[in-house]
Amino acid sequence: MRAAQGVGLIRPNEGKDRMTKIAVIGAGLIGRSWSIVFARAGFDVSLWDPAPQAVPAGLHYIAERLPELLDAGLLPEPPAAIMRRIHPAASLSDAVAGAEYVQENGPERVADKQALFAELDRTAPRDTILASSSSGIPASAFTENLAGRARCLIAHPVNPPYLVPLVELCPAPWTDPAVVERTRMLMSHAGQVPATVAKEVQGFALNRLQGALLAEAFRLVADGVISPADLDATVKHGLGLRWSFMGPFETIDLNAPGGLADYCERYGPLYADLQKQMKPRKWTPKLIAELEAARREELPRNLHAVRQEWRDRRLMGLLAHKATQPE
């Protein structure tokens, strides 16, 4: 069963334990989205970015998104009340002052994260949790030499986190287990769905799963088995419908009369043969060009941003629906 409430059912200041202030470092797309997540759940958010115009741009973006979320039934109160909880910070030290949790959203480069976490470890209060939104760099790569390395971990969201609630929590080998548990509680109270990745692996869990599907999708198109459009249709009108409310293990458990073991007995040999055929293959420039051409035929470049907005509205509708459904 899912640990967190559906996001549409969040009420501000309910069940937040003792945490009240969150520092969001980096005001790009992910930082803006995290600000919505935490402020929507009733937390005070301090938002900082080293680029002077990033925070004003981020606040403008948030102000535009909140009315859409309200219309979709995904806000517990008026947008103005949520905006009042998001405060621009004049400096990094100002942002983390009094914060009980920090969500870092800096560049996806090891050197940058090393420098940023060194500064966070120096300036943040001793008990403050330091989390990174990194989508591929493990926490051990940039926290090993920190005095406070036991309070550091990965909290990797799915883009955009205010519409897709899963967040992967991946500790470094030296992360205090209590830090992971406190972060799980925080994410649940914020309306997110935490999933703990117990060991550091490249890409964590979500991107490895996505990578496996992409690898086979590229292979099937390259071999002329299926067109790009029909491949997308196979996922969004087939697998994706089930996967929007069930995981792969629950799916196969329900797809055989005797449950998961029965499914494995029936179809295990088939999948064993398929795995032998699924050899790694490079995404060649020729294949990428063919897929790019197919996508641009489906979606001209000038309509790309329009389709992204359509995607977000569809996600809002799906999220609002899921919030009303029992597990």
Protein backbone atom coordinates (compact mmCIF):
# COMPACT_ATOMS: atom_id res chain seq x y z
CA MET A 1 0.00 0.00 0.00
CA ARG A 2 1.20 3.50 -0.72
CA ALA A 3 2.57 5.32 2.27
CA ALA A 4 1.50 8.82 1.26
CA GLN A 5 -1.88 10.39 0.67
CA GLY A 6 -2.91 11.25 -2.85
CA VAL A 7 -1.55 14.71 -3.52
CA GLY A 8 -5.00 16.10 -4.18
CA LEU A 9 -5.96 15.27 -0.59
CA ILE A 10 -3.13 17.21 1.10
CA ARG A 11 -4.15 19.70 3.76
CA PRO A 12 -1.60 22.29 4.88
CA ASN A 13 0.06 21.86 8.26
CA GLU A 14 -1.33 18.36 8.78
CA GLY A 15 1.05 15.70 10.05
CA LYS A 16 4.29 17.55 9.31
CA ASP A 17 6.05 16.19 12.40
CA ARG A 18 8.50 18.86 13.57
CA MET A 19 9.84 20.13 10.24
CA THR A 20 8.61 23.57 9.26
CA LYS A 21 11.22 25.17 6.96
CA ILE A 22 12.65 23.80 3.73
CA ALA A 23 15.53 25.33 1.75
CA VAL A 24 15.43 24.79 -2.01
CA ILE A 25 18.79 25.47 -3.62
CA GLY A 26 18.55 26.11 -7.35
CA ALA A 27 15.52 27.77 -8.97
CA GLY A 28 15.50 25.97 -12.32
CA LEU A 29 12.67 23.70 -13.43
CA ILE A 30 13.24 21.10 -10.69
CA GLY A 31 13.79 23.66 -7.92
CA ARG A 32 10.63 25.51 -8.88
CA SER A 33 8.70 22.26 -8.85
CA TRP A 34 10.03 21.27 -5.43
CA SER A 35 9.02 24.69 -4.12
CA ILE A 36 5.45 23.98 -5.22
CA VAL A 37 5.54 20.53 -3.59
CA PHE A 38 6.66 21.79 -0.19
CA ALA A 39 4.71 25.06 -0.07
CA ARG A 40 1.53 23.27 -1.19
CA ALA A 41 1.95 20.92 1.77
CA GLY A 42 2.23 23.80 4.24
CA PHE A 43 5.99 24.15 4.66
CA ASP A 44 7.82 27.47 4.54
CA VAL A 45 10.23 27.44 1.59
CA SER A 46 13.37 29.49 1.17
CA LEU A 47 14.41 29.59 -2.50
CA TRP A 48 17.93 30.57 -3.61
CA ASP A 49 19.94 30.42 -6.81
CA PRO A 50 23.37 31.90 -7.61
CA ALA A 51 22.03 33.38 -10.85
CA PRO A 52 20.41 36.75 -10.01
CA GLN A 53 17.37 36.36 -12.29
CA ALA A 54 16.67 32.70 -11.55
CA VAL A 55 14.60 33.20 -8.41
CA PRO A 56 12.31 35.95 -9.84
CA ALA A 57 11.82 33.81 -12.94
CA GLY A 58 11.09 30.82 -10.73
CA LEU A 59 8.52 32.71 -8.68
CA HIS A 60 6.83 33.89 -11.89
CA TYR A 61 6.67 30.29 -13.13
CA ILE A 62 5.18 29.09 -9.83
CA ALA A 63 2.58 31.88 -9.84
CA GLU A 64 1.47 30.80 -13.31
CA ARG A 65 1.25 27.09 -12.42
CA LEU A 66 -0.70 27.37 -9.17
CA PRO A 67 -4.04 28.50 -10.69
CA GLU A 68 -3.88 25.54 -13.10
CA LEU A 69 -3.32 23.20 -10.16
CA LEU A 70 -6.25 24.79 -8.32
CA ASP A 71 -8.51 24.25 -11.33
CA ALA A 72 -7.43 20.60 -11.42
CA GLY A 73 -8.28 20.14 -7.74
CA LEU A 74 -4.62 19.71 -6.75
CA LEU A 75 -4.33 22.61 -4.31
CA PRO A 76 -5.74 22.57 -0.79
CA GLU A 77 -6.08 26.37 -0.62
CA PRO A 78 -5.88 29.50 -2.82
CA PRO A 79 -2.64 30.10 -4.78
CA ALA A 80 -1.94 33.34 -2.90
CA ALA A 81 -1.68 31.46 0.39
CA ILE A 82 0.85 29.07 -1.10
CA MET A 83 2.88 31.84 -2.72
CA ARG A 84 3.22 33.53 0.67
CA ARG A 85 5.14 30.49 1.93
CA ILE A 86 7.86 30.78 -0.74
CA HIS A 87 10.51 33.33 0.17
CA PRO A 88 13.45 34.45 -2.00
CA ALA A 89 16.75 34.19 -0.15
CA ALA A 90 19.56 36.71 -0.56
CA SER A 91 22.32 34.12 -0.16
CA LEU A 92 22.88 30.42 0.35
CA SER A 93 23.56 30.95 4.06
CA ASP A 94 20.34 32.97 4.34
CA ALA A 95 18.42 30.17 2.62
CA VAL A 96 19.61 27.40 4.95
CA ALA A 97 19.37 29.41 8.18
CA GLY A 98 16.84 27.60 10.34
CA ALA A 99 16.06 25.05 7.64
CA GLU A 100 15.50 21.46 8.73
CA TYR A 101 15.83 20.03 5.23
CA VAL A 102 17.70 21.20 2.10
CA GLN A 103 16.82 20.10 -1.44
CA GLU A 104 19.74 20.83 -3.80
CA ASN A 105 19.08 21.23 -7.54
CA GLY A 106 22.43 22.34 -8.93
CA PRO A 107 24.15 21.29 -12.17
CA GLU A 108 24.55 17.57 -12.81
CA ARG A 109 28.33 17.72 -12.50
CA VAL A 110 30.38 16.10 -9.74
CA ALA A 111 32.70 19.06 -9.20
CA ASP A 112 29.79 21.49 -8.88
CA LYS A 113 28.02 19.27 -6.38
CA GLN A 114 31.21 18.77 -4.37
CA ALA A 115 31.64 22.52 -4.03
CA LEU A 116 27.97 23.15 -3.29
CA PHE A 117 27.68 20.42 -0.66
CA ALA A 118 30.88 21.57 1.00
CA GLU A 119 29.27 25.00 1.40
CA LEU A 120 25.97 23.49 2.55
CA ASP A 121 27.74 21.32 5.11
CA ARG A 122 29.61 24.36 6.39
CA THR A 123 26.61 26.70 6.68
CA ALA A 124 23.52 24.58 7.38
CA PRO A 125 22.55 23.78 10.98
CA ARG A 126 24.11 20.55 12.24
CA ASP A 127 20.87 18.52 12.22
CA THR A 128 19.70 19.71 8.79
CA ILE A 129 19.28 16.97 6.19
CA LEU A 130 21.13 17.68 2.93
CA ALA A 131 19.51 16.03 -0.11
CA SER A 132 20.35 16.22 -3.79
CA SER A 133 17.96 15.94 -6.73
CA SER A 134 20.70 14.27 -8.79
CA SER A 135 19.31 11.89 -11.39
CA GLY A 136 22.49 9.88 -11.87
CA ILE A 137 25.36 10.95 -9.61
CA PRO A 138 25.45 8.95 -6.35
CA ALA A 139 25.81 10.83 -3.08
CA SER A 140 29.14 9.08 -2.38
CA ALA A 141 30.68 10.94 -5.33
CA PHE A 142 30.37 14.34 -3.68
CA THR A 143 29.93 13.82 0.07
CA GLU A 144 32.75 11.45 1.08
CA ASN A 145 35.04 14.13 2.52
CA LEU A 146 32.38 16.12 4.36
CA ALA A 147 32.33 16.31 8.13
CA GLY A 148 28.55 15.95 8.01
CA ARG A 149 28.41 13.27 5.34
CA ALA A 150 26.09 11.12 7.48
CA ARG A 151 23.25 13.59 6.87
CA CYS A 152 23.55 13.54 3.06
CA LEU A 153 21.55 11.49 0.56
CA ILE A 154 19.90 11.53 -2.86
CA ALA A 155 16.22 12.50 -3.17
CA HIS A 156 15.70 12.08 -6.91
CA PRO A 157 12.32 13.31 -8.19
CA VAL A 158 10.47 12.52 -11.39
CA ASN A 159 10.01 15.58 -13.58
CA PRO A 160 7.93 17.55 -12.69
CA PRO A 161 7.68 16.46 -9.04
CA TYR A 162 4.56 18.52 -8.32
CA LEU A 163 2.70 16.31 -10.84
CA VAL A 164 4.60 13.00 -10.58
CA PRO A 165 4.93 12.19 -6.87
CA LEU A 166 7.55 9.43 -6.83
CA VAL A 167 10.89 10.35 -5.26
CA GLU A 168 13.82 7.93 -5.03
CA LEU A 169 15.79 8.06 -1.79
CA CYS A 170 19.31 6.68 -2.16
CA PRO A 171 21.77 6.94 0.74
CA ALA A 172 25.55 6.87 0.49
CA PRO A 173 27.27 4.02 2.35
CA TRP A 174 27.79 6.38 5.30
CA THR A 175 24.34 7.99 5.41
CA ASP A 176 22.69 7.63 8.81
CA PRO A 177 19.61 5.35 8.45
CA ALA A 178 17.69 7.81 10.64
CA VAL A 179 18.26 10.47 7.95
CA VAL A 180 16.67 8.23 5.33
CA GLU A 181 13.70 7.55 7.59
CA ARG A 182 13.21 11.25 8.40
CA THR A 183 13.33 12.04 4.69
CA ARG A 184 10.75 9.33 3.93
CA MET A 185 8.45 10.86 6.53
CA LEU A 186 8.96 14.34 5.14
CA MET A 187 8.21 13.23 1.59
CA SER A 188 5.09 11.40 2.67
CA HIS A 189 3.86 14.45 4.57
CA ALA A 190 4.58 16.55 1.47
CA GLY A 191 2.34 14.30 -0.64
CA GLN A 192 5.18 12.53 -2.43
CA VAL A 193 5.68 8.77 -2.67
CA PRO A 194 9.16 7.82 -1.38
CA ALA A 195 10.92 4.71 -2.67
CA THR A 196 14.20 3.76 -1.00
CA VAL A 197 17.02 2.54 -3.24
CA ALA A 198 19.08 0.67 -0.64
CA LYS A 199 22.31 0.43 -2.66
CA GLU A 200 24.03 2.96 -4.91
CA VAL A 201 23.64 1.90 -8.54
CA GLN A 202 24.10 4.04 -11.65
CA GLY A 203 20.78 5.62 -12.62
CA PHE A 204 19.16 4.49 -9.35
CA ALA A 205 16.00 2.41 -10.00
CA LEU A 206 13.66 4.51 -12.12
CA ASN A 207 16.13 5.39 -14.85
CA ARG A 208 17.36 1.81 -15.02
CA LEU A 209 13.79 0.62 -15.59
CA GLN A 210 13.20 3.35 -18.15
CA GLY A 211 16.52 2.50 -19.80
CA ALA A 212 15.53 -1.16 -20.18
CA LEU A 213 12.31 -0.22 -21.95
CA LEU A 214 14.05 2.37 -24.14
CA ALA A 215 16.71 -0.14 -25.14
CA GLU A 216 14.12 -2.57 -26.43
CA ALA A 217 12.06 0.22 -28.03
CA PHE A 218 15.09 1.42 -30.02
CA ARG A 219 15.93 -2.17 -30.97
CA LEU A 220 12.42 -2.99 -32.22
CA VAL A 221 12.31 0.13 -34.39
CA ALA A 222 15.85 -0.40 -35.70
CA ASP A 223 14.99 -3.98 -36.71
CA GLY A 224 11.89 -2.86 -38.58
CA VAL A 225 9.56 -4.74 -36.22
CA ILE A 226 7.34 -1.74 -35.49
CA SER A 227 7.08 1.96 -36.33
CA PRO A 228 7.91 4.64 -33.76
CA ALA A 229 4.27 5.76 -33.64
CA ASP A 230 2.96 2.23 -33.09
CA LEU A 231 5.64 1.59 -30.47
CA ASP A 232 4.44 4.65 -28.52
CA ALA A 233 0.84 3.47 -28.96
CA THR A 234 1.75 0.04 -27.58
CA VAL A 235 3.02 1.59 -24.37
CA LYS A 236 0.53 4.40 -23.79
CA HIS A 237 -2.57 2.40 -24.73
CA GLY A 238 -1.33 -0.97 -23.42
CA LEU A 239 1.35 -1.27 -20.77
CA GLY A 240 1.02 2.32 -19.63
CA LEU A 241 -2.65 2.00 -18.67
CA ARG A 242 -1.86 -0.74 -16.18
CA TRP A 243 1.38 0.84 -15.05
CA SER A 244 -0.36 4.08 -14.09
CA PHE A 245 -1.76 2.30 -11.03
CA MET A 246 0.14 -1.01 -10.75
CA GLY A 247 3.79 -1.97 -10.78
CA PRO A 248 5.23 -4.83 -12.87
CA PHE A 249 5.16 -7.40 -10.07
CA GLU A 250 1.55 -6.66 -9.18
CA THR A 251 0.70 -6.72 -12.89
CA ILE A 252 1.97 -10.25 -13.45
CA ASP A 253 0.55 -11.40 -10.10
CA LEU A 254 -2.92 -10.44 -11.36
CA ASN A 255 -2.36 -11.74 -14.90
CA ALA A 256 -2.40 -15.44 -13.99
CA PRO A 257 -5.07 -17.41 -12.09
CA GLY A 258 -2.56 -18.65 -9.53
CA GLY A 259 -0.71 -15.37 -9.04
CA LEU A 260 2.93 -14.46 -9.60
CA ALA A 261 4.38 -17.95 -9.25
CA ASP A 262 1.80 -19.29 -11.70
CA TYR A 263 2.65 -16.51 -14.17
CA CYS A 264 6.37 -17.29 -13.93
CA GLU A 265 5.70 -21.00 -14.53
CA ARG A 266 3.57 -20.22 -17.59
CA TYR A 267 5.68 -17.48 -19.18
CA GLY A 268 9.13 -17.83 -17.63
CA PRO A 269 10.56 -19.82 -20.56
CA LEU A 270 9.27 -17.22 -23.04
CA TYR A 271 10.92 -14.35 -21.18
CA ALA A 272 14.13 -16.34 -20.80
CA ASP A 273 14.28 -16.70 -24.59
CA LEU A 274 13.48 -13.00 -25.09
CA GLN A 275 16.30 -11.96 -22.76
CA LYS A 276 18.78 -13.94 -24.89
CA GLN A 277 17.68 -11.87 -27.89
CA MET A 278 17.94 -8.51 -26.11
CA LYS A 279 21.61 -7.81 -26.74
CA PRO A 280 22.91 -4.30 -26.00
CA ARG A 281 22.89 -2.06 -29.05
CA LYS A 282 24.19 1.46 -29.53
CA TRP A 283 21.85 4.28 -30.41
CA THR A 284 23.56 5.14 -33.67
CA PRO A 285 23.36 8.61 -35.27
CA LYS A 286 21.42 7.07 -38.16
CA LEU A 287 18.81 5.52 -35.87
CA ILE A 288 18.51 8.68 -33.79
CA ALA A 289 18.02 10.75 -36.96
CA GLU A 290 15.29 8.39 -38.16
CA LEU A 291 13.48 8.58 -34.84
CA GLU A 292 13.87 12.36 -34.70
CA ALA A 293 12.37 12.64 -38.19
CA ALA A 294 9.47 10.40 -37.19
CA ARG A 295 8.77 12.48 -34.08
CA ARG A 296 8.92 15.76 -35.98
CA GLU A 297 6.44 14.36 -38.50
CA GLU A 298 4.14 13.59 -35.58
CA LEU A 299 4.96 16.82 -33.73
CA PRO A 300 6.50 19.79 -35.57
CA ARG A 301 9.18 21.60 -33.60
CA ASN A 302 7.09 24.77 -33.27
CA LEU A 303 4.43 22.79 -31.38
CA HIS A 304 6.84 21.13 -28.96
CA ALA A 305 6.16 23.54 -26.07
CA VAL A 306 2.42 23.33 -26.71
CA ARG A 307 2.55 19.54 -26.41
CA GLN A 308 4.55 19.83 -23.18
CA GLU A 309 1.75 21.94 -21.72
CA TRP A 310 -0.76 19.34 -22.95
CA ARG A 311 1.30 16.65 -21.19
CA ASP A 312 1.22 18.57 -17.91
CA ARG A 313 -2.55 19.10 -18.12
CA ARG A 314 -3.04 15.38 -18.75
CA LEU A 315 -0.82 14.60 -15.76
CA MET A 316 -2.88 16.97 -13.63
CA GLY A 317 -6.07 15.19 -14.66
CA LEU A 318 -4.59 11.76 -14.00
CA LEU A 319 -3.19 12.81 -10.63
CA ALA A 320 -6.51 14.34 -9.60
CA HIS A 321 -8.28 11.13 -10.58
CA LYS A 322 -5.84 8.91 -8.70
CA ALA A 323 -6.23 11.03 -5.57
CA THR A 324 -9.92 10.08 -5.41
CA GLN A 325 -9.38 6.34 -5.94
CA PRO A 326 -8.78 3.77 -3.19
CA GLU A 327 -5.57 1.79 -3.21
